[in-house]
C-alpha atoms as a PDB file:
ATOM      1  CA  UNK A   1     101.061 -36.972 -49.774  1.00  0.00           C
ATOM      2  CA  UNK A   2      97.820 -35.125 -49.676  1.00  0.00           C
ATOM      3  CA  UNK A   3      94.806 -36.276 -47.552  1.00  0.00           C
ATOM      4  CA  UNK A   4      92.586 -35.296 -50.545  1.00  0.00           C
ATOM      5  CA  UNK A   5      92.847 -36.565 -54.196  1.00  0.00           C
ATOM      6  CA  UNK A   6      94.077 -34.255 -56.884  1.00  0.00           C
ATOM      7  CA  UNK A   7      90.518 -34.240 -58.399  1.00  0.00           C
ATOM      8  CA  UNK A   8      89.102 -33.499 -55.046  1.00  0.00           C
ATOM      9  CA  UNK A   9      91.313 -30.453 -54.449  1.00  0.00           C
ATOM     10  CA  UNK A  10      90.498 -29.301 -57.918  1.00  0.00           C
ATOM     11  CA  UNK A  11      86.744 -29.589 -57.092  1.00  0.00           C
ATOM     12  CA  UNK A  12      87.246 -27.445 -53.986  1.00  0.00           C
ATOM     13  CA  UNK A  13      89.179 -24.782 -56.051  1.00  0.00           C
ATOM     14  CA  UNK A  14      86.385 -24.901 -58.809  1.00  0.00           C
ATOM     15  CA  UNK A  15      83.538 -24.637 -56.142  1.00  0.00           C
ATOM     16  CA  UNK A  16      85.428 -21.521 -54.719  1.00  0.00           C
ATOM     17  CA  UNK A  17      85.758 -20.071 -58.210  1.00  0.00           C
ATOM     18  CA  UNK A  18      89.459 -19.786 -57.979  1.00  0.00           C
ATOM     19  CA  UNK A  19      91.382 -18.917 -61.006  1.00  0.00           C
ATOM     20  CA  UNK A  20      93.908 -21.850 -60.624  1.00  0.00           C
ATOM     21  CA  UNK A  21      93.743 -25.682 -60.640  1.00  0.00           C
ATOM     22  CA  UNK A  22      95.105 -28.035 -58.119  1.00  0.00           C
ATOM     23  CA  UNK A  23      98.498 -28.337 -59.759  1.00  0.00           C
ATOM     24  CA  UNK A  24      99.101 -24.587 -59.983  1.00  0.00           C
ATOM     25  CA  UNK A  25      97.968 -24.051 -56.489  1.00  0.00           C
ATOM     26  CA  UNK A  26     100.269 -26.607 -55.066  1.00  0.00           C
ATOM     27  CA  UNK A  27     103.145 -25.354 -57.183  1.00  0.00           C
ATOM     28  CA  UNK A  28     102.501 -21.870 -55.593  1.00  0.00           C
ATOM     29  CA  UNK A  29     102.380 -23.320 -52.120  1.00  0.00           C
ATOM     30  CA  UNK A  30     105.725 -25.005 -52.676  1.00  0.00           C
ATOM     31  CA  UNK A  31     107.368 -21.944 -54.022  1.00  0.00           C
ATOM     32  CA  UNK A  32     106.204 -19.710 -51.222  1.00  0.00           C
ATOM     33  CA  UNK A  33     107.452 -22.324 -48.817  1.00  0.00           C
ATOM     34  CA  UNK A  34     110.784 -22.423 -50.500  1.00  0.00           C
ATOM     35  CA  UNK A  35     111.348 -18.557 -50.470  1.00  0.00           C
ATOM     36  CA  UNK A  36     109.905 -17.648 -46.987  1.00  0.00           C
ATOM     37  CA  UNK A  37     110.254 -18.577 -43.501  1.00  0.00           C
ATOM     38  CA  UNK A  38     106.608 -19.458 -42.850  1.00  0.00           C
ATOM     39  CA  UNK A  39     104.751 -19.217 -46.143  1.00  0.00           C
ATOM     40  CA  UNK A  40     102.723 -16.245 -44.858  1.00  0.00           C
ATOM     41  CA  UNK A  41      99.279 -15.811 -46.500  1.00  0.00           C
ATOM     42  CA  UNK A  42     100.002 -13.635 -49.533  1.00  0.00           C
ATOM     43  CA  UNK A  43      99.808 -16.660 -51.647  1.00  0.00           C
ATOM     44  CA  UNK A  44      96.421 -17.563 -50.444  1.00  0.00           C
ATOM     45  CA  UNK A  45      95.004 -13.951 -51.075  1.00  0.00           C
ATOM     46  CA  UNK A  46      96.347 -14.412 -54.679  1.00  0.00           C
ATOM     47  CA  UNK A  47      94.778 -17.679 -55.216  1.00  0.00           C
ATOM     48  CA  UNK A  48      91.348 -16.557 -53.962  1.00  0.00           C
ATOM     49  CA  UNK A  49      91.592 -12.822 -54.728  1.00  0.00           C
ATOM     50  CA  UNK A  50      89.181 -13.126 -57.737  1.00  0.00           C
ATOM     51  CA  UNK A  51      87.272 -16.185 -56.607  1.00  0.00           C
ATOM     52  CA  UNK A  52      83.628 -16.123 -57.805  1.00  0.00           C
ATOM     53  CA  UNK A  53      82.267 -18.777 -55.349  1.00  0.00           C
ATOM     54  CA  UNK A  54      80.262 -18.132 -52.187  1.00  0.00           C
ATOM     55  CA  UNK A  55      81.765 -17.369 -48.921  1.00  0.00           C
ATOM     56  CA  UNK A  56      81.343 -20.942 -47.637  1.00  0.00           C
ATOM     57  CA  UNK A  57      83.111 -22.501 -50.751  1.00  0.00           C
ATOM     58  CA  UNK A  58      85.937 -19.976 -50.507  1.00  0.00           C
ATOM     59  CA  UNK A  59      86.492 -20.693 -46.696  1.00  0.00           C
ATOM     60  CA  UNK A  60      86.422 -24.452 -47.421  1.00  0.00           C
ATOM     61  CA  UNK A  61      88.885 -23.855 -50.031  1.00  0.00           C
ATOM     62  CA  UNK A  62      90.987 -21.658 -47.833  1.00  0.00           C
ATOM     63  CA  UNK A  63      91.012 -24.491 -45.102  1.00  0.00           C
ATOM     64  CA  UNK A  64      92.104 -27.188 -47.651  1.00  0.00           C
ATOM     65  CA  UNK A  65      94.805 -25.023 -49.079  1.00  0.00           C
ATOM     66  CA  UNK A  66      96.220 -24.179 -45.521  1.00  0.00           C
ATOM     67  CA  UNK A  67      96.120 -28.031 -44.728  1.00  0.00           C
ATOM     68  CA  UNK A  68      97.992 -28.709 -48.074  1.00  0.00           C
ATOM     69  CA  UNK A  69     100.594 -26.027 -47.070  1.00  0.00           C
ATOM     70  CA  UNK A  70     101.121 -27.796 -43.527  1.00  0.00           C
ATOM     71  CA  UNK A  71     101.381 -31.349 -45.156  1.00  0.00           C
ATOM     72  CA  UNK A  72     103.837 -30.032 -47.795  1.00  0.00           C
ATOM     73  CA  UNK A  73     105.982 -28.245 -45.369  1.00  0.00           C
ATOM     74  CA  UNK A  74     106.152 -31.306 -43.034  1.00  0.00           C
ATOM     75  CA  UNK A  75     107.322 -33.328 -46.102  1.00  0.00           C
ATOM     76  CA  UNK A  76     109.890 -30.757 -47.272  1.00  0.00           C
ATOM     77  CA  UNK A  77     111.318 -30.323 -43.701  1.00  0.00           C
ATOM     78  CA  UNK A  78     111.478 -34.193 -43.237  1.00  0.00           C
ATOM     79  CA  UNK A  79     114.099 -34.189 -45.904  1.00  0.00           C
ATOM     80  CA  UNK A  80     113.481 -37.803 -46.693  1.00  0.00           C
ATOM     81  CA  UNK A  81     112.587 -37.027 -50.277  1.00  0.00           C
ATOM     82  CA  UNK A  82     108.864 -38.134 -49.877  1.00  0.00           C
ATOM     83  CA  UNK A  83     107.765 -34.844 -51.169  1.00  0.00           C
ATOM     84  CA  UNK A  84     105.858 -35.050 -54.585  1.00  0.00           C
ATOM     85  CA  UNK A  85     104.359 -32.527 -56.725  1.00  0.00           C
ATOM     86  CA  UNK A  86     100.584 -32.538 -56.681  1.00  0.00           C
ATOM     87  CA  UNK A  87      99.824 -33.954 -60.310  1.00  0.00           C
ATOM     88  CA  UNK A  88      97.136 -36.051 -61.895  1.00  0.00           C
ATOM     89  CA  UNK A  89      97.553 -39.885 -61.574  1.00  0.00           C
ATOM     90  CA  UNK A  90      98.928 -41.906 -64.220  1.00  0.00           C
ATOM     91  CA  UNK A  91      95.426 -42.887 -65.525  1.00  0.00           C
ATOM     92  CA  UNK A  92      95.095 -39.308 -66.939  1.00  0.00           C
ATOM     93  CA  UNK A  93      96.300 -38.701 -70.460  1.00  0.00           C
ATOM     94  CA  UNK A  94      99.950 -37.782 -70.840  1.00  0.00           C
ATOM     95  CA  UNK A  95      98.715 -34.405 -72.422  1.00  0.00           C
ATOM     96  CA  UNK A  96      96.681 -33.670 -69.246  1.00  0.00           C
ATOM     97  CA  UNK A  97      99.588 -34.625 -66.957  1.00  0.00           C
ATOM     98  CA  UNK A  98     102.092 -32.768 -68.962  1.00  0.00           C
ATOM     99  CA  UNK A  99      99.914 -29.657 -68.955  1.00  0.00           C
ATOM    100  CA  UNK A 100      99.508 -29.911 -65.092  1.00  0.00           C
ATOM    101  CA  UNK A 101     103.317 -30.274 -64.719  1.00  0.00           C
ATOM    102  CA  UNK A 102     103.683 -27.132 -66.756  1.00  0.00           C
ATOM    103  CA  UNK A 103     101.057 -25.402 -64.448  1.00  0.00           C
ATOM    104  CA  UNK A 104     102.659 -26.732 -61.354  1.00  0.00           C
ATOM    105  CA  UNK A 105     106.069 -25.163 -62.487  1.00  0.00           C
ATOM    106  CA  UNK A 106     104.258 -21.798 -63.362  1.00  0.00           C
ATOM    107  CA  UNK A 107     102.753 -21.953 -59.831  1.00  0.00           C
ATOM    108  CA  UNK A 108     106.011 -22.694 -58.276  1.00  0.00           C
ATOM    109  CA  UNK A 109     107.821 -19.814 -59.972  1.00  0.00           C
ATOM    110  CA  UNK A 110     104.922 -17.478 -59.023  1.00  0.00           C
ATOM    111  CA  UNK A 111     104.936 -18.525 -55.485  1.00  0.00           C
ATOM    112  CA  UNK A 112     108.780 -17.875 -55.412  1.00  0.00           C
ATOM    113  CA  UNK A 113     108.076 -14.480 -56.707  1.00  0.00           C
ATOM    114  CA  UNK A 114     105.517 -13.864 -53.992  1.00  0.00           C
ATOM    115  CA  UNK A 115     108.184 -14.531 -51.418  1.00  0.00           C
ATOM    116  CA  UNK A 116     109.364 -10.859 -51.754  1.00  0.00           C
ATOM    117  CA  UNK A 117     113.087 -11.672 -51.766  1.00  0.00           C
ATOM    118  CA  UNK A 118     115.367 -11.315 -54.638  1.00  0.00           C
ATOM    119  CA  UNK A 119     116.857 -14.758 -55.436  1.00  0.00           C
ATOM    120  CA  UNK A 120     120.260 -13.227 -56.474  1.00  0.00           C
ATOM    121  CA  UNK A 121     120.731 -12.335 -52.855  1.00  0.00           C
ATOM    122  CA  UNK A 122     120.120 -15.909 -51.695  1.00  0.00           C
ATOM    123  CA  UNK A 123     123.591 -16.911 -53.189  1.00  0.00           C
ATOM    124  CA  UNK A 124     122.049 -20.149 -54.434  1.00  0.00           C
ATOM    125  CA  UNK A 125     124.352 -23.119 -55.216  1.00  0.00           C
ATOM    126  CA  UNK A 126     124.779 -23.554 -58.994  1.00  0.00           C
ATOM    127  CA  UNK A 127     122.570 -26.641 -59.007  1.00  0.00           C
ATOM    128  CA  UNK A 128     119.724 -24.761 -57.443  1.00  0.00           C
ATOM    129  CA  UNK A 129     119.971 -21.936 -59.894  1.00  0.00           C
ATOM    130  CA  UNK A 130     119.908 -24.607 -62.835  1.00  0.00           C
ATOM    131  CA  UNK A 131     116.729 -26.132 -61.312  1.00  0.00           C
ATOM    132  CA  UNK A 132     114.986 -22.691 -61.238  1.00  0.00           C
ATOM    133  CA  UNK A 133     115.910 -22.072 -64.917  1.00  0.00           C
ATOM    134  CA  UNK A 134     114.860 -25.619 -65.864  1.00  0.00           C
ATOM    135  CA  UNK A 135     111.432 -25.063 -64.251  1.00  0.00           C
ATOM    136  CA  UNK A 136     111.043 -22.083 -66.325  1.00  0.00           C
ATOM    137  CA  UNK A 137     111.392 -24.159 -69.402  1.00  0.00           C
ATOM    138  CA  UNK A 138     109.080 -27.013 -68.044  1.00  0.00           C
ATOM    139  CA  UNK A 139     106.422 -24.371 -67.470  1.00  0.00           C
ATOM    140  CA  UNK A 140     106.381 -23.858 -71.078  1.00  0.00           C
ATOM    141  CA  UNK A 141     106.044 -27.416 -71.937  1.00  0.00           C
ATOM    142  CA  UNK A 142     103.279 -29.663 -73.130  1.00  0.00           C
ATOM    143  CA  UNK A 143     102.476 -32.912 -75.050  1.00  0.00           C
ATOM    144  CA  UNK A 144     101.483 -32.802 -78.594  1.00  0.00           C
ATOM    145  CA  UNK A 145     101.050 -35.759 -80.768  1.00  0.00           C
ATOM    146  CA  UNK A 146      99.056 -38.861 -81.098  1.00  0.00           C
ATOM    147  CA  UNK A 147      99.351 -41.783 -78.754  1.00  0.00           C
ATOM    148  CA  UNK A 148     102.112 -41.521 -76.439  1.00  0.00           C
ATOM    149  CA  UNK A 149     104.852 -44.061 -76.695  1.00  0.00           C
ATOM    150  CA  UNK A 150     106.556 -45.641 -73.688  1.00  0.00           C
ATOM    151  CA  UNK A 151     109.591 -43.431 -74.227  1.00  0.00           C
ATOM    152  CA  UNK A 152     107.263 -40.444 -73.711  1.00  0.00           C
ATOM    153  CA  UNK A 153     105.910 -41.855 -70.604  1.00  0.00           C
ATOM    154  CA  UNK A 154     109.488 -42.525 -69.339  1.00  0.00           C
ATOM    155  CA  UNK A 155     110.489 -38.861 -70.316  1.00  0.00           C
ATOM    156  CA  UNK A 156     107.575 -37.476 -68.343  1.00  0.00           C
ATOM    157  CA  UNK A 157     108.356 -39.596 -65.295  1.00  0.00           C
ATOM    158  CA  UNK A 158     111.997 -38.424 -65.476  1.00  0.00           C
ATOM    159  CA  UNK A 159     110.902 -34.822 -65.714  1.00  0.00           C
ATOM    160  CA  UNK A 160     108.579 -35.167 -62.726  1.00  0.00           C
ATOM    161  CA  UNK A 161     111.408 -36.809 -60.644  1.00  0.00           C
ATOM    162  CA  UNK A 162     113.693 -33.953 -61.629  1.00  0.00           C
ATOM    163  CA  UNK A 163     111.135 -31.376 -60.405  1.00  0.00           C
ATOM    164  CA  UNK A 164     110.525 -33.295 -57.262  1.00  0.00           C
ATOM    165  CA  UNK A 165     114.233 -33.569 -56.270  1.00  0.00           C
ATOM    166  CA  UNK A 166     114.916 -29.996 -57.486  1.00  0.00           C
ATOM    167  CA  UNK A 167     112.272 -28.663 -55.195  1.00  0.00           C
ATOM    168  CA  UNK A 168     113.660 -30.416 -52.211  1.00  0.00           C
ATOM    169  CA  UNK A 169     117.099 -29.103 -53.125  1.00  0.00           C
ATOM    170  CA  UNK A 170     115.700 -25.363 -53.450  1.00  0.00           C
ATOM    171  CA  UNK A 171     113.837 -25.708 -50.224  1.00  0.00           C
ATOM    172  CA  UNK A 172     117.003 -26.875 -48.288  1.00  0.00           C
ATOM    173  CA  UNK A 173     119.254 -24.453 -49.960  1.00  0.00           C
ATOM    174  CA  UNK A 174     116.884 -21.467 -49.258  1.00  0.00           C
ATOM    175  CA  UNK A 175     115.707 -22.462 -45.786  1.00  0.00           C
ATOM    176  CA  UNK A 176     119.449 -22.883 -44.838  1.00  0.00           C
ATOM    177  CA  UNK A 177     119.820 -19.073 -45.693  1.00  0.00           C
ATOM    178  CA  UNK A 178     116.652 -18.090 -43.951  1.00  0.00           C
ATOM    179  CA  UNK A 179     117.394 -20.094 -40.769  1.00  0.00           C
ATOM    180  CA  UNK A 180     121.089 -20.107 -40.715  1.00  0.00           C
ATOM    181  CA  UNK A 181     121.414 -23.850 -40.993  1.00  0.00           C
ATOM    182  CA  UNK A 182     124.305 -25.316 -42.915  1.00  0.00           C
ATOM    183  CA  UNK A 183     123.571 -25.592 -46.739  1.00  0.00           C
ATOM    184  CA  UNK A 184     123.453 -29.242 -47.561  1.00  0.00           C
ATOM    185  CA  UNK A 185     124.306 -28.839 -51.179  1.00  0.00           C
ATOM    186  CA  UNK A 186     127.037 -26.314 -51.031  1.00  0.00           C
ATOM    187  CA  UNK A 187     129.414 -28.500 -49.204  1.00  0.00           C
ATOM    188  CA  UNK A 188     132.051 -30.342 -51.139  1.00  0.00           C
ATOM    189  CA  UNK A 189     131.632 -34.103 -50.840  1.00  0.00           C
ATOM    190  CA  UNK A 190     134.916 -36.104 -51.328  1.00  0.00           C
END
């Protein structure tokens, strides 16, 4: 999905002195895109509000985050399910990937909160509400233990897939309310 690697975005954020990493930043972007019509820039102010890097580093980070927002919006709008959470590659340890997934979900929920709308008013389909509750639980997760098993790897991949599809569902549900388009998941299929 992104034109820069996960670690490259992490480096840009670190040079800017941002308080979050690449996974949390992308989660925040996705949450804001789901809950608002245009994403605004409130999320960007929150990510860079207490940045300690120089002006040039912060501006480079701002540009990269805006480009990430645009790429993510295009993928979510496309509806082809090509959207993916921005997470470390499989060569990272399972503990690092699990931690990043938890941070991604924390960022997503934070971004949803920045949208300034009450979710109860959105009248979400039952499945969409369940996804939000599950993301709250995933945000608490982590991997503790020794060497991960094949089952641990499979479980992680399934959770990532659940988050990926869940974000697409939430985006389509909430954008349907914002734009007045038909809600794809609230129609009965026979």
